[in-house]
């Protein structure tokens, strides 16, 4: 199987029944490489048990967005059928959908609330007023907010706090991280689910890296600050989490597919040869370039193409340059907003790209921070799901949904209507999800 790709349908088999007594959530990720549907339920001690899953190759999905709705819907329905078969029950509960794509935009917005000079001690009402001011954002035409995430508060433009209640000052500033997307393109993905689920819409949508962070972070890493990077087939996404605050998130339309393209162009390979090289990288090299010329030669062969020898160092250099570019782009974005100092617990890599040999060493070199492969916390179930960095996002969707349901902050309206008037803050949700 190629890194970041799925070549065969995966899932289990078994009898299928309706089970209305169990509270089983479903997470759906429509990725560039594969479509994943994961079903799970939570115990009283916050343990997540995966009861079923399905995965099929993505067809006609580009950079995380469907380009042929009919074909994508067929594949999505097959993934649902596989998940239901392996779970032995139909999808009847809440469904949570990961969203991404070039239309997603993230930015920061601040709002200021003047405090009462006769009563300058900050109250919960003052916090609410400051947050309301921060939610007054300027959006592009056809663009609507998906998430409002608290970053921090400032008192009198100086003291930066996660919770300002009880402090005294003249003004309170709330800084928000906003995730917005094009409503029509969001509704395209939502409509796919509604068609399959019998016009029952997704319960909520989540920007992919935010879900990934919830799947892997524990209280210690959240407290120190961590950067989660999801290297997918067509898109690389990231989120910087510090304590209960989402400090920043974003994405770049670069992923594992670009590595294959680079190998094709740089070495004159065919598409199958490029994919085969990336798949076999661990047999002869890694993403850490070793400049030894033609000392290490590797055989490149694929069906329908003549075998040839290629220097391993040339392959490593091409792969390193692209991955290094991705990491430098992310580092540059964090440096712009002075957030590199808030990553005390280091970096977690997930997605298919996290399986590339040497990628952890390369990320450590670029960021100068400890890096490790992301692992889902407090989970049980099939090892190929629970212990794979490729499934971090759908697993995080389940945790997102459970937290939202616990705090009763899910939208009451159908999601396609909810996209037009969603103004809610996630600080308490994230704080409780991480046991802050």
Protein backbone atom coordinates (compact mmCIF):
# COMPACT_ATOMS: atom_id res chain seq x y z
CA UNK A 1 0.00 0.00 0.00
CA UNK A 2 1.41 3.41 -0.94
CA UNK A 3 2.05 5.93 1.79
CA UNK A 4 -1.08 8.02 2.21
CA UNK A 5 -3.07 5.77 -0.12
CA UNK A 6 -5.37 2.77 0.15
CA UNK A 7 -5.31 0.21 -2.62
CA UNK A 8 -8.03 -2.14 -1.41
CA UNK A 9 -11.29 -1.81 0.47
CA UNK A 10 -10.91 -2.47 4.17
CA UNK A 11 -13.41 -3.32 6.87
CA UNK A 12 -15.02 -6.28 8.53
CA UNK A 13 -18.01 -8.49 7.88
CA UNK A 14 -20.93 -9.64 9.94
CA UNK A 15 -24.68 -9.49 10.43
CA UNK A 16 -26.26 -6.05 10.62
CA UNK A 17 -29.05 -4.97 12.96
CA UNK A 18 -30.47 -1.74 14.28
CA UNK A 19 -29.36 -1.00 17.85
CA UNK A 20 -31.24 1.96 19.24
CA UNK A 21 -30.03 1.43 22.83
CA UNK A 22 -26.34 2.00 22.11
CA UNK A 23 -25.06 5.53 21.54
CA UNK A 24 -22.74 4.97 18.60
CA UNK A 25 -21.22 7.99 16.86
CA UNK A 26 -19.85 7.97 13.32
CA UNK A 27 -16.92 9.99 11.95
CA UNK A 28 -16.53 10.55 8.22
CA UNK A 29 -13.42 11.78 6.41
CA UNK A 30 -13.55 12.25 2.63
CA UNK A 31 -9.84 12.41 1.87
CA UNK A 32 -7.90 12.75 -1.34
CA UNK A 33 -6.54 9.20 -1.02
CA UNK A 34 -9.33 7.36 0.75
CA UNK A 35 -12.76 7.74 2.32
CA UNK A 36 -12.96 6.58 5.93
CA UNK A 37 -16.06 5.90 8.04
CA UNK A 38 -15.46 5.00 11.69
CA UNK A 39 -18.12 4.00 14.24
CA UNK A 40 -17.45 4.15 17.98
CA UNK A 41 -19.00 4.46 21.40
CA UNK A 42 -17.75 5.92 24.68
CA UNK A 43 -17.69 4.36 28.13
CA UNK A 44 -18.23 6.31 31.35
CA UNK A 45 -14.45 6.70 31.84
CA UNK A 46 -14.02 8.43 28.45
CA UNK A 47 -12.63 5.32 26.77
CA UNK A 48 -13.44 5.17 23.06
CA UNK A 49 -14.30 1.72 21.67
CA UNK A 50 -14.21 1.39 17.88
CA UNK A 51 -17.00 -0.99 16.88
CA UNK A 52 -16.75 -0.77 13.11
CA UNK A 53 -15.04 0.95 10.21
CA UNK A 54 -14.88 1.08 6.46
CA UNK A 55 -12.30 2.47 4.07
CA UNK A 56 -12.38 2.67 0.27
CA UNK A 57 -10.15 4.46 -2.24
CA UNK A 58 -11.19 7.99 -3.09
CA UNK A 59 -12.21 8.53 -6.69
CA UNK A 60 -12.71 12.03 -8.08
CA UNK A 61 -11.62 13.79 -4.89
CA UNK A 62 -9.02 16.51 -5.39
CA UNK A 63 -7.26 18.26 -2.52
CA UNK A 64 -9.92 17.01 -0.10
CA UNK A 65 -12.89 18.18 -2.18
CA UNK A 66 -15.29 16.14 -4.37
CA UNK A 67 -15.01 16.98 -8.07
CA UNK A 68 -17.49 14.35 -9.28
CA UNK A 69 -20.31 14.14 -6.74
CA UNK A 70 -21.93 11.04 -8.22
CA UNK A 71 -18.78 8.91 -8.09
CA UNK A 72 -17.80 10.17 -4.63
CA UNK A 73 -21.27 9.39 -3.31
CA UNK A 74 -20.99 5.81 -4.59
CA UNK A 75 -17.67 5.34 -2.84
CA UNK A 76 -18.92 6.98 0.35
CA UNK A 77 -21.93 4.68 0.42
CA UNK A 78 -19.65 1.66 0.07
CA UNK A 79 -17.55 2.88 3.02
CA UNK A 80 -20.74 3.25 5.10
CA UNK A 81 -21.86 -0.26 4.16
CA UNK A 82 -18.50 -1.69 5.20
CA UNK A 83 -18.55 0.15 8.52
CA UNK A 84 -22.09 -1.00 9.28
CA UNK A 85 -21.21 -4.56 8.33
CA UNK A 86 -18.17 -4.67 10.61
CA UNK A 87 -20.13 -3.04 13.46
CA UNK A 88 -23.09 -5.35 13.01
CA UNK A 89 -25.46 -2.39 13.26
CA UNK A 90 -26.71 0.43 11.08
CA UNK A 91 -25.65 4.06 11.39
CA UNK A 92 -28.52 5.59 13.33
CA UNK A 93 -26.74 7.98 15.70
CA UNK A 94 -24.89 11.24 15.25
CA UNK A 95 -22.59 11.64 12.23
CA UNK A 96 -19.66 14.07 12.20
CA UNK A 97 -17.94 15.16 9.01
CA UNK A 98 -14.38 16.44 8.55
CA UNK A 99 -14.01 19.30 6.08
CA UNK A 100 -11.01 20.73 4.29
CA UNK A 101 -10.14 22.23 0.92
CA UNK A 102 -8.71 25.36 -0.64
CA UNK A 103 -11.86 27.33 0.24
CA UNK A 104 -11.13 27.02 3.97
CA UNK A 105 -9.61 30.18 5.41
CA UNK A 106 -8.28 30.70 8.93
CA UNK A 107 -7.54 34.04 10.55
CA UNK A 108 -7.53 35.90 13.86
CA UNK A 109 -9.95 38.58 14.98
CA UNK A 110 -9.93 40.67 18.15
CA UNK A 111 -12.79 42.37 19.94
CA UNK A 112 -12.54 44.98 22.71
CA UNK A 113 -14.99 45.59 25.55
CA UNK A 114 -14.66 48.70 27.73
CA UNK A 115 -14.95 47.88 31.43
CA UNK A 116 -17.09 49.88 33.86
CA UNK A 117 -14.76 52.37 35.59
CA UNK A 118 -16.89 52.13 38.72
CA UNK A 119 -16.56 48.34 38.73
CA UNK A 120 -13.34 47.46 36.88
CA UNK A 121 -13.18 43.83 38.07
CA UNK A 122 -13.88 41.54 35.08
CA UNK A 123 -17.02 39.42 35.34
CA UNK A 124 -18.42 36.59 33.21
CA UNK A 125 -20.68 39.16 31.56
CA UNK A 126 -17.65 41.22 30.54
CA UNK A 127 -16.07 38.11 29.01
CA UNK A 128 -19.26 37.43 27.05
CA UNK A 129 -19.30 40.99 25.73
CA UNK A 130 -15.65 40.79 24.64
CA UNK A 131 -16.23 37.48 22.89
CA UNK A 132 -19.27 38.88 21.11
CA UNK A 133 -17.14 41.77 19.84
CA UNK A 134 -14.47 39.32 18.60
CA UNK A 135 -17.11 37.38 16.65
CA UNK A 136 -17.94 40.40 14.53
CA UNK A 137 -15.76 39.32 11.65
CA UNK A 138 -15.46 40.53 8.08
CA UNK A 139 -16.12 37.63 5.73
CA UNK A 140 -15.72 37.32 1.99
CA UNK A 141 -18.77 36.95 -0.25
CA UNK A 142 -20.30 33.49 0.09
CA UNK A 143 -18.09 32.71 3.07
CA UNK A 144 -19.44 31.59 6.43
CA UNK A 145 -17.89 30.78 9.81
CA UNK A 146 -17.31 27.14 10.70
CA UNK A 147 -15.54 27.64 14.04
CA UNK A 148 -14.85 30.44 16.51
CA UNK A 149 -12.01 29.38 18.81
CA UNK A 150 -10.77 31.38 21.78
CA UNK A 151 -7.05 32.17 21.60
CA UNK A 152 -6.57 34.34 24.68
CA UNK A 153 -7.67 37.49 26.49
CA UNK A 154 -5.72 40.66 27.17
CA UNK A 155 -6.34 43.15 29.96
CA UNK A 156 -5.36 46.72 29.08
CA UNK A 157 -3.36 45.42 26.07
CA UNK A 158 -0.76 43.88 28.33
CA UNK A 159 -1.65 40.90 30.50
CA UNK A 160 -2.43 37.81 28.39
CA UNK A 161 -4.73 35.27 30.06
CA UNK A 162 -6.85 32.21 29.33
CA UNK A 163 -9.41 33.25 31.95
CA UNK A 164 -9.53 36.97 32.85
CA UNK A 165 -12.40 36.79 35.36
CA UNK A 166 -11.43 38.53 38.60
CA UNK A 167 -8.76 40.75 37.02
CA UNK A 168 -9.20 44.53 37.11
CA UNK A 169 -8.59 46.92 34.23
CA UNK A 170 -9.98 49.50 31.84
CA UNK A 171 -10.60 47.28 28.81
CA UNK A 172 -10.79 43.60 27.98
CA UNK A 173 -9.70 42.26 24.60
CA UNK A 174 -10.73 38.84 23.31
CA UNK A 175 -8.67 37.29 20.53
CA UNK A 176 -10.43 34.69 18.37
CA UNK A 177 -9.16 32.15 15.87
CA UNK A 178 -11.74 31.87 13.08
CA UNK A 179 -12.19 29.06 10.58
CA UNK A 180 -14.39 30.01 7.62
CA UNK A 181 -15.31 28.30 4.37
CA UNK A 182 -17.36 28.73 1.23
CA UNK A 183 -20.94 27.76 2.08
CA UNK A 184 -21.72 26.16 -1.28
CA UNK A 185 -18.66 23.94 -1.15
CA UNK A 186 -19.37 22.96 2.44
CA UNK A 187 -22.94 22.12 1.51
CA UNK A 188 -21.70 19.89 -1.33
CA UNK A 189 -20.04 17.56 1.19
CA UNK A 190 -22.99 17.79 3.59
CA UNK A 191 -25.41 16.90 0.80
CA UNK A 192 -23.44 13.72 0.04
CA UNK A 193 -24.07 12.51 3.56
CA UNK A 194 -27.71 13.58 3.53
CA UNK A 195 -28.35 11.56 0.38
CA UNK A 196 -26.82 8.43 1.88
CA UNK A 197 -28.46 8.85 5.29
CA UNK A 198 -31.93 9.41 3.89
CA UNK A 199 -31.97 13.20 4.01
CA UNK A 200 -30.68 13.12 7.61
CA UNK A 201 -27.91 15.74 7.69
CA UNK A 202 -24.56 15.49 9.43
CA UNK A 203 -24.79 16.54 13.05
CA UNK A 204 -21.75 18.80 12.79
CA UNK A 205 -18.77 19.57 10.57
CA UNK A 206 -15.22 19.99 11.85
CA UNK A 207 -12.08 21.42 10.27
CA UNK A 208 -9.88 18.32 9.98
CA UNK A 209 -6.81 19.32 12.05
CA UNK A 210 -9.00 20.37 15.00
CA UNK A 211 -10.42 16.86 15.09
CA UNK A 212 -6.93 15.35 14.83
CA UNK A 213 -5.78 17.36 17.84
CA UNK A 214 -8.65 16.09 20.00
CA UNK A 215 -7.82 12.48 19.12
CA UNK A 216 -4.21 12.63 20.21
CA UNK A 217 -3.75 15.31 22.88
CA UNK A 218 -3.74 14.52 26.59
CA UNK A 219 -3.80 17.06 29.45
CA UNK A 220 0.00 17.20 29.78
CA UNK A 221 0.72 17.88 26.12
CA UNK A 222 -2.11 20.40 25.92
CA UNK A 223 -0.83 22.24 28.96
CA UNK A 224 2.67 22.56 27.49
CA UNK A 225 1.50 23.34 23.97
CA UNK A 226 1.70 21.08 20.93
CA UNK A 227 1.66 21.38 17.15
CA UNK A 228 -0.28 18.68 15.27
CA UNK A 229 0.56 18.28 11.57
CA UNK A 230 -1.56 16.08 9.29
CA UNK A 231 0.26 15.22 6.04
CA UNK A 232 -2.37 13.85 3.69
CA UNK A 233 -2.38 12.84 0.06
CA UNK A 234 -3.38 16.24 -1.31
CA UNK A 235 -3.39 18.62 1.65
CA UNK A 236 -1.26 19.25 4.73
CA UNK A 237 -3.10 20.74 7.71
CA UNK A 238 -1.92 21.85 11.11
CA UNK A 239 -3.16 23.16 14.45
CA UNK A 240 -1.27 24.73 17.34
CA UNK A 241 -2.97 23.98 20.67
CA UNK A 242 -1.85 25.48 23.99
CA UNK A 243 -3.89 24.64 27.07
CA UNK A 244 -7.57 25.18 26.32
CA UNK A 245 -6.79 27.61 23.49
CA UNK A 246 -6.47 26.96 19.78
CA UNK A 247 -3.64 29.35 18.98
CA UNK A 248 -3.62 28.82 15.24
CA UNK A 249 -4.56 26.41 12.46
CA UNK A 250 -4.20 26.30 8.71
CA UNK A 251 -3.50 24.24 5.63
CA UNK A 252 -1.45 24.06 2.46
CA UNK A 253 -2.48 22.33 -0.77
CA UNK A 254 0.65 20.17 -0.72
CA UNK A 255 0.83 16.51 0.29
CA UNK A 256 2.10 13.05 -0.57
CA UNK A 257 0.82 13.32 -4.15
CA UNK A 258 3.31 16.15 -4.68
CA UNK A 259 6.13 13.86 -3.58
CA UNK A 260 5.12 11.38 -6.29
CA UNK A 261 4.89 14.14 -8.89
CA UNK A 262 8.34 15.41 -7.89
CA UNK A 263 9.80 11.93 -8.32
CA UNK A 264 8.17 11.62 -11.74
CA UNK A 265 9.52 14.95 -12.95
CA UNK A 266 12.93 14.77 -11.30
CA UNK A 267 13.77 11.22 -12.33
CA UNK A 268 11.66 10.79 -15.45
CA UNK A 269 9.49 8.09 -13.86
CA UNK A 270 5.97 7.00 -14.64
CA UNK A 271 3.16 7.53 -12.11
CA UNK A 272 3.20 3.85 -11.00
CA UNK A 273 6.99 4.01 -10.62
CA UNK A 274 6.77 7.18 -8.53
CA UNK A 275 4.21 5.60 -6.21
CA UNK A 276 6.23 2.41 -5.94
CA UNK A 277 9.36 4.36 -5.00
CA UNK A 278 7.57 6.21 -2.19
CA UNK A 279 6.04 2.96 -0.97
CA UNK A 280 9.44 1.19 -0.85
CA UNK A 281 11.46 4.13 0.48
CA UNK A 282 12.20 2.37 3.77
CA UNK A 283 13.90 -0.50 1.92
CA UNK A 284 16.76 1.66 0.66
CA UNK A 285 16.61 5.14 2.22
CA UNK A 286 14.60 7.78 4.04
CA UNK A 287 13.50 11.41 3.95
CA UNK A 288 16.85 12.34 5.50
CA UNK A 289 19.11 12.89 2.49
CA UNK A 290 22.46 11.06 2.48
CA UNK A 291 24.66 12.61 -0.19
CA UNK A 292 26.61 9.56 -1.38
CA UNK A 293 26.17 9.93 -5.13
CA UNK A 294 25.66 6.61 -6.89
CA UNK A 295 26.94 4.45 -4.05
CA UNK A 296 23.40 3.18 -3.39
CA UNK A 297 21.41 2.22 -6.46
CA UNK A 298 17.82 0.99 -6.31
CA UNK A 299 15.85 -0.84 -8.93
CA UNK A 300 12.69 0.92 -10.12
CA UNK A 301 10.15 -1.31 -11.77
CA UNK A 302 6.41 -1.21 -12.30
CA UNK A 303 3.85 -3.02 -14.40
CA UNK A 304 4.15 -2.02 -18.04
CA UNK A 305 7.42 -0.11 -17.58
CA UNK A 306 11.04 -1.18 -18.08
CA UNK A 307 13.13 -1.69 -14.97
CA UNK A 308 15.91 0.83 -14.31
CA UNK A 309 18.45 1.73 -11.62
CA UNK A 310 18.19 5.06 -9.83
CA UNK A 311 20.57 6.54 -7.19
CA UNK A 312 18.95 6.33 -3.74
CA UNK A 313 20.50 9.69 -2.84
CA UNK A 314 18.63 11.36 -5.72
CA UNK A 315 15.32 9.95 -4.49
CA UNK A 316 16.05 11.04 -0.91
CA UNK A 317 16.97 14.55 -1.99
CA UNK A 318 13.74 15.03 -3.95
CA UNK A 319 11.60 13.76 -1.08
CA UNK A 320 13.48 15.80 1.49
CA UNK A 321 13.11 19.04 -0.48
CA UNK A 322 9.33 18.73 -0.70
CA UNK A 323 8.80 17.69 2.94
CA UNK A 324 11.21 20.39 4.09
CA UNK A 325 9.18 22.94 2.13
CA UNK A 326 6.00 21.83 3.90
CA UNK A 327 7.58 22.12 7.34
CA UNK A 328 9.16 25.49 6.53
CA UNK A 329 5.79 26.84 5.36
CA UNK A 330 4.19 25.86 8.66
CA UNK A 331 7.10 27.19 10.70
CA UNK A 332 6.94 30.46 8.78
CA UNK A 333 3.22 30.88 9.53
CA UNK A 334 3.80 30.31 13.24
CA UNK A 335 6.75 32.70 13.28
CA UNK A 336 4.59 35.44 11.74
CA UNK A 337 2.26 35.36 14.75
CA UNK A 338 5.00 34.60 17.28
CA UNK A 339 3.61 31.19 18.25
CA UNK A 340 6.72 29.00 17.97
CA UNK A 341 7.38 29.55 21.66
CA UNK A 342 4.04 28.03 22.66
CA UNK A 343 4.94 24.51 21.45
CA UNK A 344 6.51 23.22 24.66
CA UNK A 345 5.47 19.58 24.17
CA UNK A 346 6.71 19.42 20.59
CA UNK A 347 5.05 18.12 17.44
CA UNK A 348 2.76 15.20 16.56
CA UNK A 349 2.64 13.96 12.95
CA UNK A 350 -0.39 12.16 11.54
CA UNK A 351 -1.88 11.30 8.15
CA UNK A 352 -0.31 9.00 5.57
CA UNK A 353 2.75 11.23 5.39
CA UNK A 354 3.60 10.39 9.01
CA UNK A 355 4.53 6.90 7.79
CA UNK A 356 7.27 8.13 5.44
CA UNK A 357 10.62 6.79 6.72
CA UNK A 358 12.75 9.58 8.20
CA UNK A 359 9.97 12.20 8.27
CA UNK A 360 10.18 12.49 12.06
CA UNK A 361 13.94 13.12 11.94
CA UNK A 362 13.48 15.73 9.21
CA UNK A 363 10.73 17.54 11.12
CA UNK A 364 12.92 17.55 14.23
CA UNK A 365 15.72 19.15 12.21
CA UNK A 366 13.48 21.85 10.70
CA UNK A 367 11.58 22.83 13.84
CA UNK A 368 14.28 22.15 16.43
CA UNK A 369 11.63 20.50 18.63
CA UNK A 370 10.84 16.93 19.69
CA UNK A 371 8.64 15.18 17.11
CA UNK A 372 6.75 11.92 17.31
CA UNK A 373 4.04 10.06 15.47
CA UNK A 374 0.55 10.93 16.71
CA UNK A 375 -1.30 8.23 18.60
CA UNK A 376 -4.95 8.17 19.60
CA UNK A 377 -5.53 8.29 23.35
CA UNK A 378 -7.87 6.20 25.53
CA UNK A 379 -8.99 3.91 22.73
CA UNK A 380 -9.66 0.25 22.01
CA UNK A 381 -10.61 -1.65 18.87
CA UNK A 382 -8.98 -2.84 15.63
CA UNK A 383 -5.25 -2.20 15.71
CA UNK A 384 -5.19 -1.04 12.08
CA UNK A 385 -7.49 1.82 13.08
CA UNK A 386 -6.58 2.62 16.68
CA UNK A 387 -2.81 2.60 16.16
CA UNK A 388 -2.58 4.14 12.71
CA UNK A 389 -1.77 7.84 12.17
CA UNK A 390 -3.94 7.65 9.04
CA UNK A 391 -7.12 7.33 11.14
CA UNK A 392 -6.41 10.13 13.62
CA UNK A 393 -8.90 12.57 12.05
CA UNK A 394 -12.00 10.30 12.02
CA UNK A 395 -11.15 9.18 15.55
CA UNK A 396 -10.96 12.83 16.59
CA UNK A 397 -14.37 13.45 15.01
CA UNK A 398 -15.87 10.96 17.47
CA UNK A 399 -14.28 12.78 20.42
CA UNK A 400 -15.43 16.12 19.07
CA UNK A 401 -18.99 14.86 18.81
CA UNK A 402 -19.00 13.30 22.25
CA UNK A 403 -17.76 16.54 23.82
CA UNK A 404 -20.28 18.66 21.94
CA UNK A 405 -23.12 16.36 22.95
CA UNK A 406 -22.00 16.38 26.58
CA UNK A 407 -22.21 20.18 26.65
CA UNK A 408 -25.34 20.33 24.50
CA UNK A 409 -23.82 22.83 22.07
CA UNK A 410 -24.62 21.07 18.81
CA UNK A 411 -26.70 22.99 16.25
CA UNK A 412 -30.45 22.52 16.51
CA UNK A 413 -31.02 23.50 12.87
CA UNK A 414 -30.08 21.36 9.88
CA UNK A 415 -26.39 21.83 9.23
CA UNK A 416 -26.85 23.54 5.87
CA UNK A 417 -28.93 26.23 7.59
CA UNK A 418 -26.64 26.28 10.58
CA UNK A 419 -23.70 27.26 8.37
CA UNK A 420 -25.36 30.62 7.84
CA UNK A 421 -25.66 31.70 11.46
CA UNK A 422 -23.07 29.74 13.42
CA UNK A 423 -21.61 32.00 16.14
CA UNK A 424 -20.48 29.86 19.00
CA UNK A 425 -17.33 29.70 21.07
CA UNK A 426 -15.38 26.47 21.61
CA UNK A 427 -13.17 27.38 24.59
CA UNK A 428 -15.15 25.44 27.20
CA UNK A 429 -15.60 22.50 24.87
CA UNK A 430 -11.89 22.20 24.12
CA UNK A 431 -10.95 22.75 27.76
CA UNK A 432 -13.21 19.93 28.96
CA UNK A 433 -12.29 17.63 26.09
CA UNK A 434 -8.66 17.83 27.22
CA UNK A 435 -9.62 17.60 30.91
CA UNK A 436 -8.10 21.06 31.41
